[in-house]
Amino acid sequence: MTPSARQSRSPRWDVIVVGAGPAGATAARVAAERGQRVLLLERASLPRYKTCGGGLVGAAVAALPPSFRVPSLDHIDQITVSNRFRNPRTVTHNEPTAHMVYRAAFDAALTEMAVEAGAVLRESTVVTALEPAAHSVTVTVDKGRRLNARCVVGADGSSSRVARHVAVRCEQVDLALEVEIPVTGPVARNWRGRTLLDWGALPGSYAWVFPKGDQLTIGVLAHRGHGDATRAYLREFLAENAPRGVEPVRRSGHLTRCRAQDSPLSRGRVLVAGDAAGLLDPMFREGISFALRSGSLAGAAAADVADAESAADVRDATIVYARRIHETLGGEMHAGRLLLAAFERHPGLFHTGLTRIPPISKKLFDYAAGRTTIPELVGGPPGRMALHLLSRM
């Protein structure tokens, strides 16, 4: 499209992206690189705290731009796995498998790349309403200001305002509780390069310790509806693993949501990506790699929608976006659901398989390092046999 043709269109913006997390910052960057006039809206002021384990698995690192420098605080080369605090087993790998980051620094760096690509950032801006029209979408923000764009991308987290407009449906909702604890000296050295995963007593629950330089991120996760039991699990886990006499510097919690398989990813000229779309791994609830990859696909689709002049062209662009999501992330989510079902039925046997059967233990590291995917983990001979046996018990 020529500059004169672009300037003649009524909306000021080609693409408005809501939310400056990994999905939103990536979508804004990709759309701007496609020559679109992009406005990136963030409700907070960056850098801002985000409740998140902060582990970048290999798939997340692979989805980053080649020039991006990961603000890494630690690299994981040891994974200790326990089952309800019992039978711990540590598996060591000869190369780092994951980066540990603070989301404040990570998200801010991704947003900076979007701005460098040409996106305009507006912080402390809350979206209150969306009004679709034939050729544009009106976005109302705080104090009643109205903005217009040819396409809107919702990447505003698991409690997304844009997701409600699109009517995203989720089939799995989990509660995550987390604390940040300062550590020094021998305690910090003991955790350097090592993470702990504990399979909990609640169905589908687990806990973690992630090292981040001079702090530990310690948290638990379980299906929503077991709030008291989840809080009790966190207290017990902290008693087992947190340094005594050290008070957390932060306590937080949030809900994670996994989309239903037939949940929509768009409505007219409005798309959703990342947590707003319910895109994350159902088993480990890893969402950063899903956010980065869906954000990239959403940015490209948003550019196509912004250039579309007819309803048919918009529909074609959104169909392509949905197909690409299903062909990539959809397969990973399906495999994650199978893995979660097996874990919920037999957590003890699941633990034994991960810690006592070398091919399966290696696959856990391969997944964290990005050398394999969950579909490959589940679909390989050891995974297929394990799932088959667990399903028959």
Protein backbone atom coordinates (compact mmCIF):
# COMPACT_ATOMS: atom_id res chain seq x y z
CA MET A 1 0.00 0.00 0.00
CA THR A 2 1.40 3.43 -0.94
CA PRO A 3 1.99 6.15 1.72
CA SER A 4 -0.69 8.37 0.15
CA ALA A 5 -3.24 5.56 0.26
CA ARG A 6 -2.35 4.79 3.87
CA GLN A 7 -2.66 8.47 4.88
CA SER A 8 -6.11 8.71 3.29
CA ARG A 9 -7.62 6.12 5.61
CA SER A 10 -9.61 7.49 8.51
CA PRO A 11 -8.14 5.65 11.57
CA ARG A 12 -5.01 7.24 12.97
CA TRP A 13 -3.53 3.84 13.79
CA ASP A 14 -3.25 0.72 11.68
CA VAL A 15 -2.81 -1.56 14.70
CA ILE A 16 -3.46 -1.02 18.40
CA VAL A 17 -1.93 -3.65 20.68
CA VAL A 18 -3.29 -3.89 24.22
CA GLY A 19 -0.74 -5.12 26.76
CA ALA A 20 3.07 -4.84 26.72
CA GLY A 21 3.92 -8.34 27.92
CA PRO A 22 5.83 -10.82 25.73
CA ALA A 23 2.84 -11.40 23.39
CA GLY A 24 1.90 -7.74 23.04
CA ALA A 25 5.44 -6.39 22.67
CA THR A 26 6.20 -9.05 20.07
CA ALA A 27 2.98 -8.41 18.14
CA ALA A 28 3.68 -4.66 18.15
CA ARG A 29 7.24 -5.17 16.92
CA VAL A 30 6.26 -7.56 14.12
CA ALA A 31 3.41 -5.33 12.92
CA ALA A 32 5.68 -2.26 12.98
CA GLU A 33 8.33 -4.14 11.02
CA ARG A 34 5.62 -4.77 8.43
CA GLY A 35 5.23 -1.01 7.98
CA GLN A 36 2.11 -0.55 10.11
CA ARG A 37 1.44 2.47 12.34
CA VAL A 38 1.32 0.72 15.71
CA LEU A 39 0.17 1.97 19.11
CA LEU A 40 1.11 -0.21 22.10
CA LEU A 41 -1.03 0.38 25.21
CA GLU A 42 0.11 -0.74 28.68
CA ARG A 43 -2.01 -0.27 31.79
CA ALA A 44 1.02 0.01 34.10
CA SER A 45 4.22 1.99 33.95
CA LEU A 46 7.22 0.00 32.73
CA PRO A 47 9.16 -1.72 34.14
CA ARG A 48 6.40 -3.29 36.24
CA TYR A 49 6.27 -6.38 38.42
CA LYS A 50 4.62 -9.46 36.96
CA THR A 51 3.80 -12.61 38.92
CA CYS A 52 5.63 -15.32 36.99
CA GLY A 53 8.18 -18.05 37.64
CA GLY A 54 10.35 -16.35 35.05
CA GLY A 55 11.80 -19.47 33.41
CA LEU A 56 12.69 -19.15 29.74
CA VAL A 57 12.65 -22.65 28.26
CA GLY A 58 14.39 -23.34 24.97
CA ALA A 59 11.26 -22.74 22.90
CA ALA A 60 10.99 -19.23 24.37
CA VAL A 61 14.64 -18.40 23.67
CA ALA A 62 14.28 -19.70 20.10
CA ALA A 63 11.29 -17.39 19.56
CA LEU A 64 13.23 -14.24 20.51
CA PRO A 65 14.72 -11.92 17.88
CA PRO A 66 18.36 -12.86 17.11
CA SER A 67 19.62 -9.53 18.45
CA PHE A 68 17.76 -9.78 21.76
CA ARG A 69 19.97 -10.06 24.83
CA VAL A 70 18.25 -12.12 27.53
CA PRO A 71 18.50 -10.36 30.92
CA SER A 72 19.38 -13.70 32.52
CA LEU A 73 19.93 -13.99 36.27
CA ASP A 74 20.77 -17.70 36.28
CA HIS A 75 20.98 -20.75 34.03
CA ILE A 76 19.50 -24.07 35.09
CA ASP A 77 21.58 -27.22 34.68
CA GLN A 78 20.16 -29.22 37.61
CA ILE A 79 16.55 -30.21 38.24
CA THR A 80 15.57 -31.70 41.60
CA VAL A 81 12.19 -33.44 41.54
CA SER A 82 10.26 -34.60 44.61
CA ASN A 83 6.81 -36.05 45.28
CA ARG A 84 5.00 -34.40 48.22
CA PHE A 85 8.44 -33.52 49.67
CA ARG A 86 9.54 -37.18 49.47
CA ASN A 87 11.90 -39.15 47.24
CA PRO A 88 13.88 -36.19 45.89
CA ARG A 89 16.12 -36.91 42.96
CA THR A 90 18.46 -34.49 41.23
CA VAL A 91 19.26 -34.86 37.56
CA THR A 92 22.21 -32.92 36.18
CA HIS A 93 22.78 -31.95 32.59
CA ASN A 94 26.08 -30.94 31.05
CA GLU A 95 24.74 -27.71 29.58
CA PRO A 96 22.27 -25.03 30.74
CA THR A 97 18.67 -25.76 29.85
CA ALA A 98 16.75 -22.61 30.82
CA HIS A 99 17.28 -18.94 31.63
CA MET A 100 15.83 -17.34 34.75
CA VAL A 101 14.61 -13.74 34.36
CA TYR A 102 12.55 -11.13 36.14
CA ARG A 103 9.57 -10.33 34.00
CA ALA A 104 9.92 -6.60 34.72
CA ALA A 105 13.28 -6.46 32.95
CA PHE A 106 12.36 -9.03 30.28
CA ASP A 107 9.09 -7.34 29.26
CA ALA A 108 10.68 -3.89 29.29
CA ALA A 109 13.45 -5.08 26.96
CA LEU A 110 10.93 -6.60 24.54
CA THR A 111 8.89 -3.39 24.59
CA GLU A 112 12.01 -1.36 23.85
CA MET A 113 12.56 -3.46 20.73
CA ALA A 114 8.98 -2.77 19.64
CA VAL A 115 9.53 0.96 20.06
CA GLU A 116 12.81 0.76 18.15
CA ALA A 117 10.87 -0.93 15.31
CA GLY A 118 8.49 2.05 15.18
CA ALA A 119 5.68 1.28 17.61
CA VAL A 120 4.44 4.11 19.84
CA LEU A 121 4.14 3.21 23.53
CA ARG A 122 1.53 4.69 25.87
CA GLU A 123 1.85 3.59 29.48
CA SER A 124 -0.62 3.91 32.36
CA THR A 125 -3.48 3.52 29.86
CA VAL A 126 -6.44 1.26 30.64
CA VAL A 127 -8.77 -0.01 27.90
CA THR A 128 -12.42 0.19 28.97
CA ALA A 129 -14.37 -0.66 25.81
CA LEU A 130 -14.13 -1.84 22.20
CA GLU A 131 -16.55 -0.81 19.46
CA PRO A 132 -16.13 -2.62 16.13
CA ALA A 133 -17.15 -1.10 12.81
CA ALA A 134 -16.86 -2.30 9.22
CA HIS A 135 -13.38 -0.90 8.57
CA SER A 136 -12.04 -0.05 12.02
CA VAL A 137 -12.27 -0.60 15.76
CA THR A 138 -12.76 2.19 18.30
CA VAL A 139 -10.84 1.64 21.55
CA THR A 140 -12.02 3.63 24.55
CA VAL A 141 -9.42 4.18 27.24
CA ASP A 142 -9.52 5.79 30.67
CA LYS A 143 -11.12 9.24 30.93
CA GLY A 144 -13.21 8.41 27.88
CA ARG A 145 -10.56 9.00 25.25
CA ARG A 146 -11.34 7.23 21.97
CA LEU A 147 -8.71 5.76 19.66
CA ASN A 148 -9.28 4.21 16.24
CA ALA A 149 -7.39 1.45 14.46
CA ARG A 150 -7.80 -0.88 11.52
CA CYS A 151 -6.97 -3.84 13.80
CA VAL A 152 -6.68 -4.49 17.54
CA VAL A 153 -4.56 -7.20 19.17
CA GLY A 154 -5.49 -8.14 22.72
CA ALA A 155 -2.48 -9.30 24.72
CA ASP A 156 -3.67 -8.01 28.07
CA GLY A 157 -3.20 -11.11 30.20
CA SER A 158 -5.37 -13.82 31.69
CA SER A 159 -8.03 -11.34 32.86
CA SER A 160 -8.13 -9.71 29.42
CA ARG A 161 -10.74 -7.09 28.57
CA VAL A 162 -10.18 -7.85 24.88
CA ALA A 163 -10.68 -11.59 25.45
CA ARG A 164 -14.16 -10.88 26.81
CA HIS A 165 -14.97 -9.01 23.61
CA VAL A 166 -13.75 -11.94 21.50
CA ALA A 167 -15.59 -14.41 23.82
CA VAL A 168 -12.54 -16.55 24.58
CA ARG A 169 -13.53 -19.72 26.46
CA CYS A 170 -11.20 -21.51 28.86
CA GLU A 171 -11.47 -25.11 30.02
CA GLN A 172 -8.76 -25.07 32.70
CA VAL A 173 -8.23 -22.35 35.31
CA ASP A 174 -5.45 -22.62 37.90
CA LEU A 175 -4.36 -20.57 40.89
CA ALA A 176 -0.67 -19.72 41.27
CA LEU A 177 0.72 -18.30 44.53
CA GLU A 178 4.27 -17.00 44.70
CA VAL A 179 6.77 -15.30 47.00
CA GLU A 180 10.14 -13.67 46.37
CA ILE A 181 12.73 -14.33 49.08
CA PRO A 182 16.15 -12.63 49.35
CA VAL A 183 19.13 -14.98 49.71
CA THR A 184 22.85 -14.50 50.21
CA GLY A 185 26.03 -16.48 50.76
CA PRO A 186 25.79 -20.28 51.06
CA VAL A 187 22.02 -20.34 50.46
CA ALA A 188 22.34 -18.47 47.17
CA ARG A 189 25.27 -20.69 46.11
CA ASN A 190 23.33 -23.85 47.01
CA TRP A 191 20.50 -22.90 44.63
CA ARG A 192 22.63 -21.48 41.83
CA GLY A 193 21.89 -23.34 38.60
CA ARG A 194 19.33 -25.63 40.27
CA THR A 195 15.56 -25.69 40.32
CA LEU A 196 13.22 -27.78 42.45
CA LEU A 197 9.87 -29.17 41.30
CA ASP A 198 7.58 -30.90 43.80
CA TRP A 199 4.47 -32.76 42.72
CA GLY A 200 1.76 -31.82 45.22
CA ALA A 201 -1.06 -33.64 46.95
CA LEU A 202 -3.78 -31.77 45.05
CA PRO A 203 -4.67 -33.10 41.58
CA GLY A 204 -2.50 -31.45 38.94
CA SER A 205 -0.60 -29.37 41.50
CA TYR A 206 3.10 -28.70 41.82
CA ALA A 207 5.52 -26.31 43.49
CA TRP A 208 8.81 -24.78 42.43
CA VAL A 209 11.94 -23.01 43.57
CA PHE A 210 13.65 -20.89 40.90
CA PRO A 211 16.98 -19.13 41.59
CA LYS A 212 17.33 -15.54 40.43
CA GLY A 213 20.67 -14.25 41.65
CA ASP A 214 20.09 -12.74 45.09
CA GLN A 215 16.47 -13.95 45.31
CA LEU A 216 14.49 -17.18 45.12
CA THR A 217 11.09 -17.33 43.48
CA ILE A 218 9.06 -19.94 45.37
CA GLY A 219 5.53 -20.81 44.37
CA VAL A 220 2.76 -23.38 44.09
CA LEU A 221 0.04 -23.97 41.54
CA ALA A 222 -3.20 -25.96 41.64
CA HIS A 223 -6.60 -26.01 39.99
CA ARG A 224 -8.86 -23.11 41.03
CA GLY A 225 -11.41 -23.99 43.69
CA HIS A 226 -8.89 -25.28 46.24
CA GLY A 227 -7.71 -21.93 47.61
CA ASP A 228 -7.28 -22.97 51.24
CA ALA A 229 -5.47 -26.20 50.32
CA THR A 230 -3.26 -24.35 47.85
CA ARG A 231 -2.28 -21.79 50.50
CA ALA A 232 -1.56 -24.63 52.95
CA TYR A 233 0.64 -26.29 50.32
CA LEU A 234 2.61 -23.07 49.93
CA ARG A 235 3.11 -22.77 53.70
CA GLU A 236 4.37 -26.36 53.91
CA PHE A 237 6.61 -25.92 50.88
CA LEU A 238 8.13 -22.73 52.30
CA ALA A 239 8.75 -24.48 55.63
CA GLU A 240 10.68 -27.18 53.76
CA ASN A 241 12.67 -25.01 51.37
CA ALA A 242 12.82 -21.33 52.36
CA PRO A 243 15.72 -20.09 54.50
CA ARG A 244 14.57 -19.73 58.10
CA GLY A 245 14.05 -16.28 59.52
CA VAL A 246 13.98 -14.54 56.14
CA GLU A 247 10.83 -12.63 55.26
CA PRO A 248 9.60 -12.53 51.64
CA VAL A 249 10.02 -9.19 49.89
CA ARG A 250 6.90 -9.84 47.84
CA ARG A 251 3.82 -12.07 47.89
CA SER A 252 1.53 -12.36 44.89
CA GLY A 253 -0.94 -14.58 43.10
CA HIS A 254 -2.73 -14.86 39.80
CA LEU A 255 -4.92 -17.15 37.72
CA THR A 256 -3.72 -18.98 34.63
CA ARG A 257 -6.22 -20.02 31.97
CA CYS A 258 -6.00 -22.61 29.19
CA ARG A 259 -8.33 -22.11 26.27
CA ALA A 260 -10.93 -24.61 25.13
CA GLN A 261 -9.81 -26.22 21.90
CA ASP A 262 -12.59 -24.57 19.87
CA SER A 263 -12.31 -21.17 21.55
CA PRO A 264 -12.18 -18.24 19.09
CA LEU A 265 -8.96 -16.35 18.44
CA SER A 266 -10.57 -13.37 16.74
CA ARG A 267 -13.76 -11.41 16.24
CA GLY A 268 -13.84 -9.24 13.17
CA ARG A 269 -10.80 -6.97 13.25
CA VAL A 270 -9.90 -7.94 16.83
CA LEU A 271 -7.35 -10.70 17.59
CA VAL A 272 -6.12 -12.21 20.85
CA ALA A 273 -2.71 -13.71 21.67
CA GLY A 274 -0.77 -15.09 24.62
CA ASP A 275 -2.53 -15.36 27.98
CA ALA A 276 -5.45 -13.32 26.65
CA ALA A 277 -6.13 -16.16 24.20
CA GLY A 278 -5.61 -18.84 26.89
CA LEU A 279 -2.47 -20.08 25.14
CA LEU A 280 -0.14 -21.92 27.50
CA ASP A 281 1.00 -25.43 28.29
CA PRO A 282 -1.72 -27.21 30.33
CA MET A 283 0.79 -29.42 32.16
CA PHE A 284 3.55 -27.08 33.33
CA ARG A 285 1.54 -23.88 32.68
CA GLU A 286 4.52 -22.47 30.83
CA GLY A 287 3.27 -19.43 28.96
CA ILE A 288 6.22 -17.27 27.89
CA SER A 289 7.11 -19.33 24.81
CA PHE A 290 3.40 -19.47 23.86
CA ALA A 291 3.17 -15.69 24.26
CA LEU A 292 6.22 -14.99 22.11
CA ARG A 293 5.18 -17.35 19.33
CA SER A 294 1.51 -16.35 19.27
CA GLY A 295 2.52 -12.69 19.48
CA SER A 296 4.66 -13.05 16.38
CA LEU A 297 1.81 -14.73 14.50
CA ALA A 298 -0.67 -12.12 15.75
CA GLY A 299 1.57 -9.24 14.64
CA ALA A 300 1.77 -10.63 11.12
CA ALA A 301 -1.98 -11.31 11.04
CA ALA A 302 -2.72 -7.82 12.37
CA ALA A 303 -0.75 -6.30 9.49
CA ASP A 304 -2.85 -8.32 7.03
CA VAL A 305 -6.09 -7.31 8.75
CA ALA A 306 -5.03 -3.66 8.78
CA ASP A 307 -4.45 -3.80 5.02
CA ALA A 308 -7.73 -5.64 4.36
CA GLU A 309 -10.44 -3.54 2.71
CA SER A 310 -13.27 -6.08 2.66
CA ALA A 311 -14.90 -8.32 5.25
CA ALA A 312 -13.83 -11.33 3.18
CA ASP A 313 -10.18 -10.24 3.32
CA VAL A 314 -10.41 -9.76 7.09
CA ARG A 315 -11.97 -13.20 7.46
CA ASP A 316 -9.23 -14.79 5.33
CA ALA A 317 -6.50 -13.18 7.42
CA THR A 318 -8.02 -14.30 10.72
CA ILE A 319 -8.60 -17.83 9.40
CA VAL A 320 -4.91 -18.04 8.48
CA TYR A 321 -3.99 -16.80 11.96
CA ALA A 322 -6.16 -19.42 13.65
CA ARG A 323 -4.80 -22.19 11.42
CA ARG A 324 -1.19 -21.27 12.23
CA ILE A 325 -1.94 -21.23 15.96
CA HIS A 326 -3.63 -24.63 15.77
CA GLU A 327 -0.84 -26.16 13.67
CA THR A 328 1.85 -25.11 16.15
CA LEU A 329 0.67 -24.28 19.66
CA GLY A 330 -2.53 -26.31 19.38
CA GLY A 331 -0.60 -29.55 19.04
CA GLU A 332 1.52 -28.71 22.07
CA MET A 333 -1.55 -27.93 24.16
CA HIS A 334 -3.22 -31.22 23.17
CA ALA A 335 -0.13 -33.18 24.21
CA GLY A 336 0.06 -31.19 27.44
CA ARG A 337 -3.53 -32.14 28.24
CA LEU A 338 -2.66 -35.82 27.83
CA LEU A 339 0.36 -35.43 30.09
CA LEU A 340 -1.65 -33.57 32.73
CA ALA A 341 -4.37 -36.25 32.72
CA ALA A 342 -1.76 -38.95 33.36
CA PHE A 343 -0.15 -36.85 36.11
CA GLU A 344 -3.48 -36.24 37.85
CA ARG A 345 -4.36 -39.94 37.87
CA HIS A 346 -1.00 -41.28 39.06
CA PRO A 347 1.35 -38.59 40.42
CA GLY A 348 3.55 -41.16 42.18
CA LEU A 349 4.11 -43.21 39.03
CA PHE A 350 4.59 -40.00 37.06
CA HIS A 351 7.35 -39.03 39.51
CA THR A 352 8.96 -42.44 39.25
CA GLY A 353 9.00 -42.30 35.48
CA LEU A 354 10.60 -38.85 35.40
CA THR A 355 13.28 -39.67 37.95
CA ARG A 356 14.05 -43.37 37.53
CA ILE A 357 13.76 -44.01 33.81
CA PRO A 358 16.75 -42.35 32.08
CA PRO A 359 15.13 -41.84 28.64
CA ILE A 360 12.23 -40.00 30.27
CA SER A 361 14.52 -37.97 32.57
CA LYS A 362 16.54 -36.91 29.55
CA LYS A 363 13.36 -35.86 27.74
CA LEU A 364 12.53 -33.48 30.61
CA PHE A 365 15.85 -31.71 30.07
CA ASP A 366 15.42 -31.81 26.31
CA TYR A 367 12.04 -30.11 26.67
CA ALA A 368 13.44 -27.40 28.96
CA ALA A 369 16.34 -26.80 26.55
CA GLY A 370 14.11 -26.67 23.49
CA ARG A 371 15.53 -29.81 21.89
CA THR A 372 12.15 -31.49 21.96
CA THR A 373 8.50 -30.50 22.32
CA ILE A 374 5.75 -31.92 24.50
CA PRO A 375 4.16 -33.65 21.47
CA GLU A 376 7.51 -35.32 20.76
CA LEU A 377 7.92 -36.20 24.45
CA VAL A 378 4.46 -37.76 24.60
CA GLY A 379 4.62 -39.25 21.10
CA GLY A 380 8.02 -40.96 21.40
CA PRO A 381 8.23 -44.67 22.34
CA PRO A 382 8.88 -44.09 26.09
CA GLY A 383 6.14 -41.50 26.33
CA ARG A 384 3.59 -43.53 24.38
CA MET A 385 4.26 -46.61 26.50
CA ALA A 386 4.06 -44.67 29.77
CA LEU A 387 0.79 -42.96 28.83
CA HIS A 388 -0.68 -46.26 27.65
CA LEU A 389 0.16 -47.99 30.93
CA LEU A 390 -1.11 -45.09 33.06
CA SER A 391 -4.38 -44.89 31.12
CA ARG A 392 -5.09 -48.56 31.81
CA MET A 393 -4.48 -48.39 35.57
